Amino acid sequence: MSGDEVILRRAKSSDASSLAALSGQLGYPVTARQMASRLEAVLPDPSCAVLVAEDGEGSVVGWTHVRVERGVESEAFAEIRGLVVDERCRREGIGERLVSEAVHWAEERGLTKVRVRCNILREGAHRFYERQGFSLAKTQAVYDKRV
């Protein structure tokens, strides 16, 4: 299968189990119920889009989540919050199509920058994003505090 053979569409609540399985492949395990709850919060938000790639048999083989980021320190921009393609379908152009659609979504909203954050250990992903025209802007440490 090539990236041209998939259909890109907006995610639906019924995609929760497929998105959860793919999220697990990326190293972020989540149950279908948890994913359904997250989708319920995100799908109606006009500042977000969750896009899926569906193969010819109707199976979801990839997804991306893009969101408008607004702050006082910079102009608004779009951020790709997640991108995953089924490990059986990688290197077939599906990720490129999902990124391209996320960029198009940002352009439709008048945004002039798309950002993606990527774990420093994911060197293959770094090369992928560079091939898509992204350039390294900075490295940073991320701190979390549980509340």
C-alpha atoms as a PDB file:
ATOM      1  CA  MET A   1       0.000   0.000   0.000  1.00  0.00           C
ATOM      2  CA  SER A   2       1.224   3.503  -0.744  1.00  0.00           C
ATOM      3  CA  GLY A   3       0.293   6.796   0.840  1.00  0.00           C
ATOM      4  CA  ASP A   4      -1.738   7.589  -2.287  1.00  0.00           C
ATOM      5  CA  GLU A   5      -4.022   4.627  -1.594  1.00  0.00           C
ATOM      6  CA  VAL A   6      -5.221   5.912   1.774  1.00  0.00           C
ATOM      7  CA  ILE A   7      -8.063   8.296   2.463  1.00  0.00           C
ATOM      8  CA  LEU A   8      -7.486  11.146   4.903  1.00  0.00           C
ATOM      9  CA  ARG A   9     -10.467  12.241   6.968  1.00  0.00           C
ATOM     10  CA  ARG A  10     -11.380  13.794  10.281  1.00  0.00           C
ATOM     11  CA  ALA A  11     -11.338  11.396  13.210  1.00  0.00           C
ATOM     12  CA  LYS A  12     -14.614  10.238  14.721  1.00  0.00           C
ATOM     13  CA  SER A  13     -15.413   8.999  18.207  1.00  0.00           C
ATOM     14  CA  SER A  14     -15.737   5.496  16.787  1.00  0.00           C
ATOM     15  CA  ASP A  15     -12.005   5.599  15.878  1.00  0.00           C
ATOM     16  CA  ALA A  16     -10.986   5.544  19.557  1.00  0.00           C
ATOM     17  CA  SER A  17      -9.779   1.932  19.700  1.00  0.00           C
ATOM     18  CA  SER A  18      -7.750   2.278  16.490  1.00  0.00           C
ATOM     19  CA  LEU A  19      -6.134   5.504  17.673  1.00  0.00           C
ATOM     20  CA  ALA A  20      -5.378   3.943  21.044  1.00  0.00           C
ATOM     21  CA  ALA A  21      -3.653   0.957  19.420  1.00  0.00           C
ATOM     22  CA  LEU A  22      -1.542   3.237  17.237  1.00  0.00           C
ATOM     23  CA  SER A  23      -0.683   5.439  20.208  1.00  0.00           C
ATOM     24  CA  GLY A  24       0.643   2.338  21.942  1.00  0.00           C
ATOM     25  CA  GLN A  25       2.917   1.642  18.957  1.00  0.00           C
ATOM     26  CA  LEU A  26       4.385   5.112  19.467  1.00  0.00           C
ATOM     27  CA  GLY A  27       5.146   4.316  23.107  1.00  0.00           C
ATOM     28  CA  TYR A  28       2.165   6.063  24.663  1.00  0.00           C
ATOM     29  CA  PRO A  29      -0.125   3.243  25.837  1.00  0.00           C
ATOM     30  CA  VAL A  30      -3.730   4.256  26.325  1.00  0.00           C
ATOM     31  CA  THR A  31      -6.953   2.304  26.618  1.00  0.00           C
ATOM     32  CA  ALA A  32      -9.741   2.692  24.090  1.00  0.00           C
ATOM     33  CA  ARG A  33     -11.886   4.196  26.865  1.00  0.00           C
ATOM     34  CA  GLN A  34      -9.219   6.782  27.715  1.00  0.00           C
ATOM     35  CA  MET A  35      -8.812   7.635  24.034  1.00  0.00           C
ATOM     36  CA  ALA A  36     -12.570   7.993  23.642  1.00  0.00           C
ATOM     37  CA  SER A  37     -12.611  10.470  26.520  1.00  0.00           C
ATOM     38  CA  ARG A  38      -9.756  12.449  24.985  1.00  0.00           C
ATOM     39  CA  LEU A  39     -11.432  12.510  21.586  1.00  0.00           C
ATOM     40  CA  GLU A  40     -14.678  13.661  23.179  1.00  0.00           C
ATOM     41  CA  ALA A  41     -12.815  16.687  24.554  1.00  0.00           C
ATOM     42  CA  VAL A  42     -10.793  17.466  21.419  1.00  0.00           C
ATOM     43  CA  LEU A  43     -13.007  16.721  18.419  1.00  0.00           C
ATOM     44  CA  PRO A  44     -15.482  19.588  18.929  1.00  0.00           C
ATOM     45  CA  ASP A  45     -12.676  22.119  19.564  1.00  0.00           C
ATOM     46  CA  PRO A  46     -12.263  24.360  16.475  1.00  0.00           C
ATOM     47  CA  SER A  47      -8.635  25.067  17.427  1.00  0.00           C
ATOM     48  CA  CYS A  48      -7.792  21.362  16.944  1.00  0.00           C
ATOM     49  CA  ALA A  49      -7.973  18.745  14.236  1.00  0.00           C
ATOM     50  CA  VAL A  50      -7.448  15.011  14.526  1.00  0.00           C
ATOM     51  CA  LEU A  51      -6.916  13.493  11.110  1.00  0.00           C
ATOM     52  CA  VAL A  52      -6.759   9.810  10.293  1.00  0.00           C
ATOM     53  CA  ALA A  53      -5.424   7.818   7.368  1.00  0.00           C
ATOM     54  CA  GLU A  54      -7.697   4.982   6.384  1.00  0.00           C
ATOM     55  CA  ASP A  55      -6.646   2.147   4.094  1.00  0.00           C
ATOM     56  CA  GLY A  56      -8.796   0.679   1.323  1.00  0.00           C
ATOM     57  CA  GLU A  57     -10.347  -1.794   3.750  1.00  0.00           C
ATOM     58  CA  GLY A  58     -11.496   0.935   6.152  1.00  0.00           C
ATOM     59  CA  SER A  59      -8.798   0.367   8.778  1.00  0.00           C
ATOM     60  CA  VAL A  60      -7.155   3.368  10.409  1.00  0.00           C
ATOM     61  CA  VAL A  61      -3.424   3.114   9.684  1.00  0.00           C
ATOM     62  CA  GLY A  62      -2.281   6.513  10.953  1.00  0.00           C
ATOM     63  CA  TRP A  63      -3.316   9.674  12.726  1.00  0.00           C
ATOM     64  CA  THR A  64      -2.154  13.160  13.526  1.00  0.00           C
ATOM     65  CA  HIS A  65      -3.388  15.782  15.969  1.00  0.00           C
ATOM     66  CA  VAL A  66      -2.726  19.435  15.160  1.00  0.00           C
ATOM     67  CA  ARG A  67      -3.676  22.382  17.331  1.00  0.00           C
ATOM     68  CA  VAL A  68      -3.446  26.171  17.253  1.00  0.00           C
ATOM     69  CA  GLU A  69      -1.125  27.425  19.983  1.00  0.00           C
ATOM     70  CA  ARG A  70      -1.658  30.969  21.220  1.00  0.00           C
ATOM     71  CA  GLY A  71       0.453  32.796  23.740  1.00  0.00           C
ATOM     72  CA  VAL A  72       1.604  36.269  24.645  1.00  0.00           C
ATOM     73  CA  GLU A  73       5.256  35.525  23.870  1.00  0.00           C
ATOM     74  CA  SER A  74       4.802  34.752  20.165  1.00  0.00           C
ATOM     75  CA  GLU A  75       2.439  34.854  17.237  1.00  0.00           C
ATOM     76  CA  ALA A  76      -0.047  32.021  17.024  1.00  0.00           C
ATOM     77  CA  PHE A  77       1.201  28.887  15.306  1.00  0.00           C
ATOM     78  CA  ALA A  78       0.054  25.341  14.698  1.00  0.00           C
ATOM     79  CA  GLU A  79       1.642  22.468  16.558  1.00  0.00           C
ATOM     80  CA  ILE A  80       1.523  18.855  15.510  1.00  0.00           C
ATOM     81  CA  ARG A  81       0.812  17.263  18.875  1.00  0.00           C
ATOM     82  CA  GLY A  82       1.046  13.685  17.697  1.00  0.00           C
ATOM     83  CA  LEU A  83       1.721  11.688  14.560  1.00  0.00           C
ATOM     84  CA  VAL A  84       1.828   7.936  14.193  1.00  0.00           C
ATOM     85  CA  VAL A  85       1.624   5.520  11.292  1.00  0.00           C
ATOM     86  CA  ASP A  86       1.039   1.806  11.817  1.00  0.00           C
ATOM     87  CA  GLU A  87       4.434   0.104  11.982  1.00  0.00           C
ATOM     88  CA  ARG A  88       3.341  -2.219   9.142  1.00  0.00           C
ATOM     89  CA  CYS A  89       2.702   0.762   6.853  1.00  0.00           C
ATOM     90  CA  ARG A  90       5.637   3.048   7.543  1.00  0.00           C
ATOM     91  CA  ARG A  91       7.788   4.496   4.769  1.00  0.00           C
ATOM     92  CA  GLU A  92       4.894   4.393   2.326  1.00  0.00           C
ATOM     93  CA  GLY A  93       4.080   8.121   2.281  1.00  0.00           C
ATOM     94  CA  ILE A  94       1.242   8.051   4.802  1.00  0.00           C
ATOM     95  CA  GLY A  95       3.082  10.185   7.353  1.00  0.00           C
ATOM     96  CA  GLU A  96       3.986  12.687   4.644  1.00  0.00           C
ATOM     97  CA  ARG A  97       0.337  12.981   3.652  1.00  0.00           C
ATOM     98  CA  LEU A  98      -0.768  13.472   7.255  1.00  0.00           C
ATOM     99  CA  VAL A  99       1.863  16.180   7.805  1.00  0.00           C
ATOM    100  CA  SER A 100       0.934  17.861   4.542  1.00  0.00           C
ATOM    101  CA  GLU A 101      -2.723  17.914   5.559  1.00  0.00           C
ATOM    102  CA  ALA A 102      -1.827  19.352   8.988  1.00  0.00           C
ATOM    103  CA  VAL A 103       0.180  22.100   7.268  1.00  0.00           C
ATOM    104  CA  HIS A 104      -2.739  22.799   4.936  1.00  0.00           C
ATOM    105  CA  TRP A 105      -5.079  23.007   7.960  1.00  0.00           C
ATOM    106  CA  ALA A 106      -2.744  25.594   9.521  1.00  0.00           C
ATOM    107  CA  GLU A 107      -2.566  27.620   6.304  1.00  0.00           C
ATOM    108  CA  GLU A 108      -6.368  27.681   6.078  1.00  0.00           C
ATOM    109  CA  ARG A 109      -6.367  29.374   9.485  1.00  0.00           C
ATOM    110  CA  GLY A 110      -3.869  32.023   8.437  1.00  0.00           C
ATOM    111  CA  LEU A 111      -1.030  30.580  10.491  1.00  0.00           C
ATOM    112  CA  THR A 112       2.481  31.002   9.145  1.00  0.00           C
ATOM    113  CA  LYS A 113       4.333  28.420  11.238  1.00  0.00           C
ATOM    114  CA  VAL A 114       3.872  24.763  12.102  1.00  0.00           C
ATOM    115  CA  ARG A 115       5.868  23.287  14.966  1.00  0.00           C
ATOM    116  CA  VAL A 116       6.431  19.698  15.964  1.00  0.00           C
ATOM    117  CA  ARG A 117       8.176  18.449  19.078  1.00  0.00           C
ATOM    118  CA  CYS A 118      10.039  15.189  18.897  1.00  0.00           C
ATOM    119  CA  ASN A 119      11.793  13.132  21.546  1.00  0.00           C
ATOM    120  CA  ILE A 120      15.554  13.600  21.254  1.00  0.00           C
ATOM    121  CA  LEU A 121      15.963   9.799  21.036  1.00  0.00           C
ATOM    122  CA  ARG A 122      13.749   9.442  17.921  1.00  0.00           C
ATOM    123  CA  GLU A 123      16.468  10.072  15.336  1.00  0.00           C
ATOM    124  CA  GLY A 124      14.453   8.475  12.533  1.00  0.00           C
ATOM    125  CA  ALA A 125      11.594  10.860  13.262  1.00  0.00           C
ATOM    126  CA  HIS A 126      14.027  13.794  13.207  1.00  0.00           C
ATOM    127  CA  ARG A 127      15.131  12.833   9.695  1.00  0.00           C
ATOM    128  CA  PHE A 128      11.480  12.375   8.650  1.00  0.00           C
ATOM    129  CA  TYR A 129      10.530  15.878   9.774  1.00  0.00           C
ATOM    130  CA  GLU A 130      13.599  17.398   8.139  1.00  0.00           C
ATOM    131  CA  ARG A 131      12.568  15.730   4.848  1.00  0.00           C
ATOM    132  CA  GLN A 132       9.157  17.388   5.304  1.00  0.00           C
ATOM    133  CA  GLY A 133      10.828  20.823   5.439  1.00  0.00           C
ATOM    134  CA  PHE A 134      11.007  21.302   9.199  1.00  0.00           C
ATOM    135  CA  SER A 135      14.212  22.649  10.719  1.00  0.00           C
ATOM    136  CA  LEU A 136      15.477  22.323  14.263  1.00  0.00           C
ATOM    137  CA  ALA A 137      14.548  25.486  16.157  1.00  0.00           C
ATOM    138  CA  LYS A 138      15.734  24.607  19.669  1.00  0.00           C
ATOM    139  CA  THR A 139      16.268  21.876  22.192  1.00  0.00           C
ATOM    140  CA  GLN A 140      14.804  22.099  25.657  1.00  0.00           C
ATOM    141  CA  ALA A 141      14.187  20.192  28.839  1.00  0.00           C
ATOM    142  CA  VAL A 142      10.596  19.436  29.752  1.00  0.00           C
ATOM    143  CA  TYR A 143       9.569  19.343  33.405  1.00  0.00           C
ATOM    144  CA  ASP A 144       6.326  17.872  34.707  1.00  0.00           C
ATOM    145  CA  LYS A 145       4.785  18.132  38.143  1.00  0.00           C
ATOM    146  CA  ARG A 146       1.958  15.835  39.132  1.00  0.00           C
ATOM    147  CA  VAL A 147      -0.947  17.592  40.815  1.00  0.00           C
END
